[in-house]
């Protein structure tokens, strides 16, 4: 608190500051090749599988539903 009111720490919303630091990661590019990886399906978490069950998957750059 930057101020005092009745001997107590006090601050207004205009005195509040936020500092944040984070490592930002992202997918910059998706490459497609003609190897056997094209047969794989990927979960939304990026885990590859060749035997998808119920859910949403990415296959050859497209969203597919099972």
PDB file of N, CA and C in Angstrom:
ATOM      1  N   UNK A   1       0.839  -1.177   0.000  1.00  0.00           N
ATOM      2  CA  UNK A   1       0.000   0.000   0.000  1.00  0.00           C
ATOM      3  C   UNK A   1       0.880   1.234   0.000  1.00  0.00           C
ATOM      4  N   UNK A   2       0.471   2.219  -0.767  1.00  0.00           N
ATOM      5  CA  UNK A   2       1.242   3.453  -0.874  1.00  0.00           C
ATOM      6  C   UNK A   2       0.690   4.556   0.016  1.00  0.00           C
ATOM      7  N   UNK A   3      -0.451   4.340   0.640  1.00  0.00           N
ATOM      8  CA  UNK A   3      -1.085   5.386   1.444  1.00  0.00           C
ATOM      9  C   UNK A   3      -1.518   4.811   2.785  1.00  0.00           C
ATOM     10  N   UNK A   4      -1.871   5.731   3.673  1.00  0.00           N
ATOM     11  CA  UNK A   4      -2.424   5.336   4.970  1.00  0.00           C
ATOM     12  C   UNK A   4      -3.713   6.080   5.192  1.00  0.00           C
ATOM     13  N   UNK A   5      -4.669   5.395   5.822  1.00  0.00           N
ATOM     14  CA  UNK A   5      -5.938   5.999   6.179  1.00  0.00           C
ATOM     15  C   UNK A   5      -6.287   5.490   7.566  1.00  0.00           C
ATOM     16  N   UNK A   6      -6.409   6.386   8.519  1.00  0.00           N
ATOM     17  CA  UNK A   6      -6.677   6.021   9.922  1.00  0.00           C
ATOM     18  C   UNK A   6      -5.639   5.038  10.447  1.00  0.00           C
ATOM     19  N   UNK A   7      -4.369   5.307  10.137  1.00  0.00           N
ATOM     20  CA  UNK A   7      -3.240   4.473  10.575  1.00  0.00           C
ATOM     21  C   UNK A   7      -3.279   3.051  10.018  1.00  0.00           C
ATOM     22  N   UNK A   8      -3.991   2.843   8.928  1.00  0.00           N
ATOM     23  CA  UNK A   8      -4.024   1.531   8.271  1.00  0.00           C
ATOM     24  C   UNK A   8      -3.534   1.685   6.831  1.00  0.00           C
ATOM     25  N   UNK A   9      -2.891   0.667   6.343  1.00  0.00           N
ATOM     26  CA  UNK A   9      -2.439   0.695   4.950  1.00  0.00           C
ATOM     27  C   UNK A   9      -3.666   0.746   4.049  1.00  0.00           C
ATOM     28  N   UNK A  10      -3.578   1.564   3.027  1.00  0.00           N
ATOM     29  CA  UNK A  10      -4.709   1.736   2.124  1.00  0.00           C
ATOM     30  C   UNK A  10      -4.180   2.012   0.740  1.00  0.00           C
ATOM     31  N   UNK A  11      -4.823   1.479  -0.259  1.00  0.00           N
ATOM     32  CA  UNK A  11      -4.433   1.755  -1.634  1.00  0.00           C
ATOM     33  C   UNK A  11      -5.674   1.855  -2.493  1.00  0.00           C
ATOM     34  N   UNK A  12      -5.586   2.659  -3.526  1.00  0.00           N
ATOM     35  CA  UNK A  12      -6.709   2.766  -4.455  1.00  0.00           C
ATOM     36  C   UNK A  12      -6.409   1.892  -5.672  1.00  0.00           C
ATOM     37  N   UNK A  13      -7.417   1.658  -6.461  1.00  0.00           N
ATOM     38  CA  UNK A  13      -7.239   0.832  -7.649  1.00  0.00           C
ATOM     39  C   UNK A  13      -6.233   1.450  -8.608  1.00  0.00           C
ATOM     40  N   UNK A  14      -6.097   2.751  -8.620  1.00  0.00           N
ATOM     41  CA  UNK A  14      -5.152   3.398  -9.525  1.00  0.00           C
ATOM     42  C   UNK A  14      -3.704   3.159  -9.104  1.00  0.00           C
ATOM     43  N   UNK A  15      -3.477   2.711  -7.871  1.00  0.00           N
ATOM     44  CA  UNK A  15      -2.127   2.449  -7.387  1.00  0.00           C
ATOM     45  C   UNK A  15      -1.716   0.997  -7.560  1.00  0.00           C
ATOM     46  N   UNK A  16      -2.620   0.154  -8.017  1.00  0.00           N
ATOM     47  CA  UNK A  16      -2.313  -1.270  -8.148  1.00  0.00           C
ATOM     48  C   UNK A  16      -1.626  -1.511  -9.486  1.00  0.00           C
ATOM     49  N   UNK A  17      -0.518  -2.200  -9.438  1.00  0.00           N
ATOM     50  CA  UNK A  17       0.216  -2.550 -10.651  1.00  0.00           C
ATOM     51  C   UNK A  17       0.342  -4.059 -10.752  1.00  0.00           C
ATOM     52  N   UNK A  18       0.409  -4.550 -11.955  1.00  0.00           N
ATOM     53  CA  UNK A  18       0.535  -5.985 -12.174  1.00  0.00           C
ATOM     54  C   UNK A  18       1.810  -6.230 -12.961  1.00  0.00           C
ATOM     55  N   UNK A  19       2.607  -7.163 -12.479  1.00  0.00           N
ATOM     56  CA  UNK A  19       3.797  -7.576 -13.197  1.00  0.00           C
ATOM     57  C   UNK A  19       3.643  -9.045 -13.517  1.00  0.00           C
ATOM     58  N   UNK A  20       3.935  -9.400 -14.754  1.00  0.00           N
ATOM     59  CA  UNK A  20       3.815 -10.799 -15.166  1.00  0.00           C
ATOM     60  C   UNK A  20       5.011 -11.171 -16.021  1.00  0.00           C
ATOM     61  N   UNK A  21       5.442 -12.380 -15.834  1.00  0.00           N
ATOM     62  CA  UNK A  21       6.514 -12.911 -16.671  1.00  0.00           C
ATOM     63  C   UNK A  21       6.183 -14.365 -16.945  1.00  0.00           C
ATOM     64  N   UNK A  22       6.266 -14.755 -18.192  1.00  0.00           N
ATOM     65  CA  UNK A  22       5.960 -16.139 -18.545  1.00  0.00           C
ATOM     66  C   UNK A  22       6.701 -16.501 -19.814  1.00  0.00           C
ATOM     67  N   UNK A  23       7.008 -17.762 -19.928  1.00  0.00           N
ATOM     68  CA  UNK A  23       7.560 -18.275 -21.173  1.00  0.00           C
ATOM     69  C   UNK A  23       6.384 -18.628 -22.069  1.00  0.00           C
ATOM     70  N   UNK A  24       6.305 -17.994 -23.197  1.00  0.00           N
ATOM     71  CA  UNK A  24       5.210 -18.228 -24.126  1.00  0.00           C
ATOM     72  C   UNK A  24       5.685 -19.201 -25.190  1.00  0.00           C
ATOM     73  N   UNK A  25       4.915 -20.268 -25.357  1.00  0.00           N
ATOM     74  CA  UNK A  25       5.238 -21.244 -26.394  1.00  0.00           C
ATOM     75  C   UNK A  25       4.035 -21.398 -27.300  1.00  0.00           C
ATOM     76  N   UNK A  26       4.288 -21.680 -28.552  1.00  0.00           N
ATOM     77  CA  UNK A  26       3.207 -21.844 -29.510  1.00  0.00           C
ATOM     78  C   UNK A  26       3.714 -22.664 -30.689  1.00  0.00           C
ATOM     79  N   UNK A  27       2.791 -23.150 -31.460  1.00  0.00           N
ATOM     80  CA  UNK A  27       3.131 -23.837 -32.698  1.00  0.00           C
ATOM     81  C   UNK A  27       3.260 -22.772 -33.773  1.00  0.00           C
ATOM     82  N   UNK A  28       4.436 -22.659 -34.348  1.00  0.00           N
ATOM     83  CA  UNK A  28       4.671 -21.665 -35.388  1.00  0.00           C
ATOM     84  C   UNK A  28       4.295 -22.172 -36.765  1.00  0.00           C
ATOM     85  N   UNK A  29       4.476 -23.466 -36.987  1.00  0.00           N
ATOM     86  CA  UNK A  29       4.290 -24.003 -38.324  1.00  0.00           C
ATOM     87  C   UNK A  29       3.923 -25.477 -38.224  1.00  0.00           C
ATOM     88  N   UNK A  30       3.046 -25.908 -39.098  1.00  0.00           N
ATOM     89  CA  UNK A  30       2.685 -27.319 -39.187  1.00  0.00           C
ATOM     90  C   UNK A  30       3.150 -27.803 -40.542  1.00  0.00           C
ATOM     91  N   UNK A  31       4.009 -28.802 -40.518  1.00  0.00           N
ATOM     92  CA  UNK A  31       4.530 -29.332 -41.769  1.00  0.00           C
ATOM     93  C   UNK A  31       3.872 -30.666 -42.066  1.00  0.00           C
ATOM     94  N   UNK A  32       3.627 -30.887 -43.305  1.00  0.00           N
ATOM     95  CA  UNK A  32       3.043 -32.152 -43.737  1.00  0.00           C
ATOM     96  C   UNK A  32       4.008 -32.813 -44.711  1.00  0.00           C
ATOM     97  N   UNK A  33       4.258 -34.086 -44.505  1.00  0.00           N
ATOM     98  CA  UNK A  33       5.079 -34.818 -45.452  1.00  0.00           C
ATOM     99  C   UNK A  33       4.349 -36.098 -45.848  1.00  0.00           C
ATOM    100  N   UNK A  34       4.885 -36.824 -46.767  1.00  0.00           N
ATOM    101  CA  UNK A  34       4.225 -38.029 -47.272  1.00  0.00           C
ATOM    102  C   UNK A  34       4.772 -39.294 -46.637  1.00  0.00           C
ATOM    103  N   UNK A  35       5.196 -39.228 -45.396  1.00  0.00           N
ATOM    104  CA  UNK A  35       5.720 -40.403 -44.707  1.00  0.00           C
ATOM    105  C   UNK A  35       4.583 -41.159 -44.021  1.00  0.00           C
ATOM    106  N   UNK A  36       4.951 -42.174 -43.282  1.00  0.00           N
ATOM    107  CA  UNK A  36       3.938 -42.989 -42.595  1.00  0.00           C
ATOM    108  C   UNK A  36       3.253 -42.222 -41.472  1.00  0.00           C
ATOM    109  N   UNK A  37       3.777 -41.053 -41.078  1.00  0.00           N
ATOM    110  CA  UNK A  37       3.137 -40.246 -40.035  1.00  0.00           C
ATOM    111  C   UNK A  37       1.774 -39.736 -40.466  1.00  0.00           C
ATOM    112  N   UNK A  38       1.471 -39.739 -41.766  1.00  0.00           N
ATOM    113  CA  UNK A  38       0.174 -39.281 -42.235  1.00  0.00           C
ATOM    114  C   UNK A  38      -0.947 -40.213 -41.814  1.00  0.00           C
ATOM    115  N   UNK A  39      -0.616 -41.426 -41.408  1.00  0.00           N
ATOM    116  CA  UNK A  39      -1.623 -42.370 -40.948  1.00  0.00           C
ATOM    117  C   UNK A  39      -1.974 -42.134 -39.480  1.00  0.00           C
ATOM    118  N   UNK A  40      -1.193 -41.309 -38.793  1.00  0.00           N
ATOM    119  CA  UNK A  40      -1.412 -41.088 -37.367  1.00  0.00           C
ATOM    120  C   UNK A  40      -2.487 -40.038 -37.122  1.00  0.00           C
ATOM    121  N   UNK A  41      -3.171 -40.205 -36.008  1.00  0.00           N
ATOM    122  CA  UNK A  41      -4.128 -39.227 -35.499  1.00  0.00           C
ATOM    123  C   UNK A  41      -3.501 -38.631 -34.250  1.00  0.00           C
ATOM    124  N   UNK A  42      -3.774 -37.358 -33.989  1.00  0.00           N
ATOM    125  CA  UNK A  42      -3.215 -36.681 -32.827  1.00  0.00           C
ATOM    126  C   UNK A  42      -4.339 -36.165 -31.943  1.00  0.00           C
ATOM    127  N   UNK A  43      -4.178 -36.351 -30.632  1.00  0.00           N
ATOM    128  CA  UNK A  43      -5.144 -35.796 -29.682  1.00  0.00           C
ATOM    129  C   UNK A  43      -4.926 -34.289 -29.621  1.00  0.00           C
ATOM    130  N   UNK A  44      -5.824 -33.584 -28.959  1.00  0.00           N
ATOM    131  CA  UNK A  44      -5.670 -32.140 -28.819  1.00  0.00           C
ATOM    132  C   UNK A  44      -4.496 -31.787 -27.921  1.00  0.00           C
ATOM    133  N   UNK A  45      -3.976 -32.772 -27.194  1.00  0.00           N
ATOM    134  CA  UNK A  45      -2.784 -32.558 -26.378  1.00  0.00           C
ATOM    135  C   UNK A  45      -1.508 -32.850 -27.162  1.00  0.00           C
ATOM    136  N   UNK A  46      -1.640 -33.323 -28.426  1.00  0.00           N
ATOM    137  CA  UNK A  46      -0.484 -33.580 -29.276  1.00  0.00           C
ATOM    138  C   UNK A  46       0.063 -34.987 -29.199  1.00  0.00           C
ATOM    139  N   UNK A  47      -0.679 -35.898 -28.590  1.00  0.00           N
ATOM    140  CA  UNK A  47      -0.233 -37.280 -28.467  1.00  0.00           C
ATOM    141  C   UNK A  47      -0.669 -38.045 -29.711  1.00  0.00           C
ATOM    142  N   UNK A  48       0.291 -38.721 -30.356  1.00  0.00           N
ATOM    143  CA  UNK A  48       0.000 -39.461 -31.583  1.00  0.00           C
ATOM    144  C   UNK A  48      -0.599 -40.827 -31.262  1.00  0.00           C
ATOM    145  N   UNK A  49      -1.542 -41.272 -32.079  1.00  0.00           N
ATOM    146  CA  UNK A  49      -2.134 -42.593 -31.958  1.00  0.00           C
ATOM    147  C   UNK A  49      -2.545 -43.064 -33.344  1.00  0.00           C
ATOM    148  N   UNK A  50      -2.495 -44.370 -33.549  1.00  0.00           N
ATOM    149  CA  UNK A  50      -2.965 -44.905 -34.830  1.00  0.00           C
ATOM    150  C   UNK A  50      -4.299 -45.621 -34.662  1.00  0.00           C
ATOM    151  N   UNK A  51      -4.834 -45.600 -33.423  1.00  0.00           N
ATOM    152  CA  UNK A  51      -6.098 -46.268 -33.135  1.00  0.00           C
ATOM    153  C   UNK A  51      -6.980 -45.334 -32.299  1.00  0.00           C
ATOM    154  N   UNK A  52      -7.577 -44.305 -32.912  1.00  0.00           N
ATOM    155  CA  UNK A  52      -8.370 -43.352 -32.132  1.00  0.00           C
ATOM    156  C   UNK A  52      -9.678 -43.960 -31.617  1.00  0.00           C
ATOM    157  N   UNK A  53     -10.073 -43.507 -30.433  1.00  0.00           N
ATOM    158  CA  UNK A  53     -11.363 -43.904 -29.862  1.00  0.00           C
ATOM    159  C   UNK A  53     -12.290 -42.694 -29.950  1.00  0.00           C
ATOM    160  N   UNK A  54     -13.329 -42.639 -29.138  1.00  0.00           N
ATOM    161  CA  UNK A  54     -14.259 -41.504 -29.168  1.00  0.00           C
ATOM    162  C   UNK A  54     -13.541 -40.216 -28.802  1.00  0.00           C
ATOM    163  N   UNK A  55     -13.835 -39.158 -29.538  1.00  0.00           N
ATOM    164  CA  UNK A  55     -13.261 -37.864 -29.218  1.00  0.00           C
ATOM    165  C   UNK A  55     -12.929 -37.054 -30.449  1.00  0.00           C
ATOM    166  N   UNK A  56     -12.157 -35.988 -30.233  1.00  0.00           N
ATOM    167  CA  UNK A  56     -11.735 -35.083 -31.296  1.00  0.00           C
ATOM    168  C   UNK A  56     -10.249 -35.328 -31.538  1.00  0.00           C
ATOM    169  N   UNK A  57      -9.875 -35.465 -32.806  1.00  0.00           N
ATOM    170  CA  UNK A  57      -8.493 -35.717 -33.184  1.00  0.00           C
ATOM    171  C   UNK A  57      -8.103 -34.817 -34.345  1.00  0.00           C
ATOM    172  N   UNK A  58      -6.800 -34.700 -34.571  1.00  0.00           N
ATOM    173  CA  UNK A  58      -6.278 -33.994 -35.736  1.00  0.00           C
ATOM    174  C   UNK A  58      -5.636 -35.043 -36.628  1.00  0.00           C
ATOM    175  N   UNK A  59      -6.055 -35.075 -37.893  1.00  0.00           N
ATOM    176  CA  UNK A  59      -5.520 -36.036 -38.861  1.00  0.00           C
ATOM    177  C   UNK A  59      -5.225 -35.297 -40.156  1.00  0.00           C
ATOM    178  N   UNK A  60      -3.956 -35.326 -40.559  1.00  0.00           N
ATOM    179  CA  UNK A  60      -3.492 -34.645 -41.768  1.00  0.00           C
ATOM    180  C   UNK A  60      -3.902 -33.169 -41.771  1.00  0.00           C
ATOM    181  N   UNK A  61      -3.779 -32.524 -40.608  1.00  0.00           N
ATOM    182  CA  UNK A  61      -4.040 -31.098 -40.496  1.00  0.00           C
ATOM    183  C   UNK A  61      -5.507 -30.715 -40.377  1.00  0.00           C
ATOM    184  N   UNK A  62      -6.397 -31.708 -40.290  1.00  0.00           N
ATOM    185  CA  UNK A  62      -7.824 -31.414 -40.189  1.00  0.00           C
ATOM    186  C   UNK A  62      -8.396 -32.012 -38.919  1.00  0.00           C
ATOM    187  N   UNK A  63      -9.410 -31.354 -38.372  1.00  0.00           N
ATOM    188  CA  UNK A  63     -10.100 -31.820 -37.171  1.00  0.00           C
ATOM    189  C   UNK A  63     -11.082 -32.917 -37.568  1.00  0.00           C
ATOM    190  N   UNK A  64     -11.028 -34.045 -36.871  1.00  0.00           N
ATOM    191  CA  UNK A  64     -11.954 -35.154 -37.141  1.00  0.00           C
ATOM    192  C   UNK A  64     -12.585 -35.585 -35.823  1.00  0.00           C
ATOM    193  N   UNK A  65     -13.807 -36.075 -35.907  1.00  0.00           N
ATOM    194  CA  UNK A  65     -14.556 -36.520 -34.731  1.00  0.00           C
ATOM    195  C   UNK A  65     -14.812 -38.020 -34.824  1.00  0.00           C
ATOM    196  N   UNK A  66     -14.674 -38.700 -33.706  1.00  0.00           N
ATOM    197  CA  UNK A  66     -14.996 -40.127 -33.623  1.00  0.00           C
ATOM    198  C   UNK A  66     -16.062 -40.343 -32.586  1.00  0.00           C
TER     199      UNK A  66
END
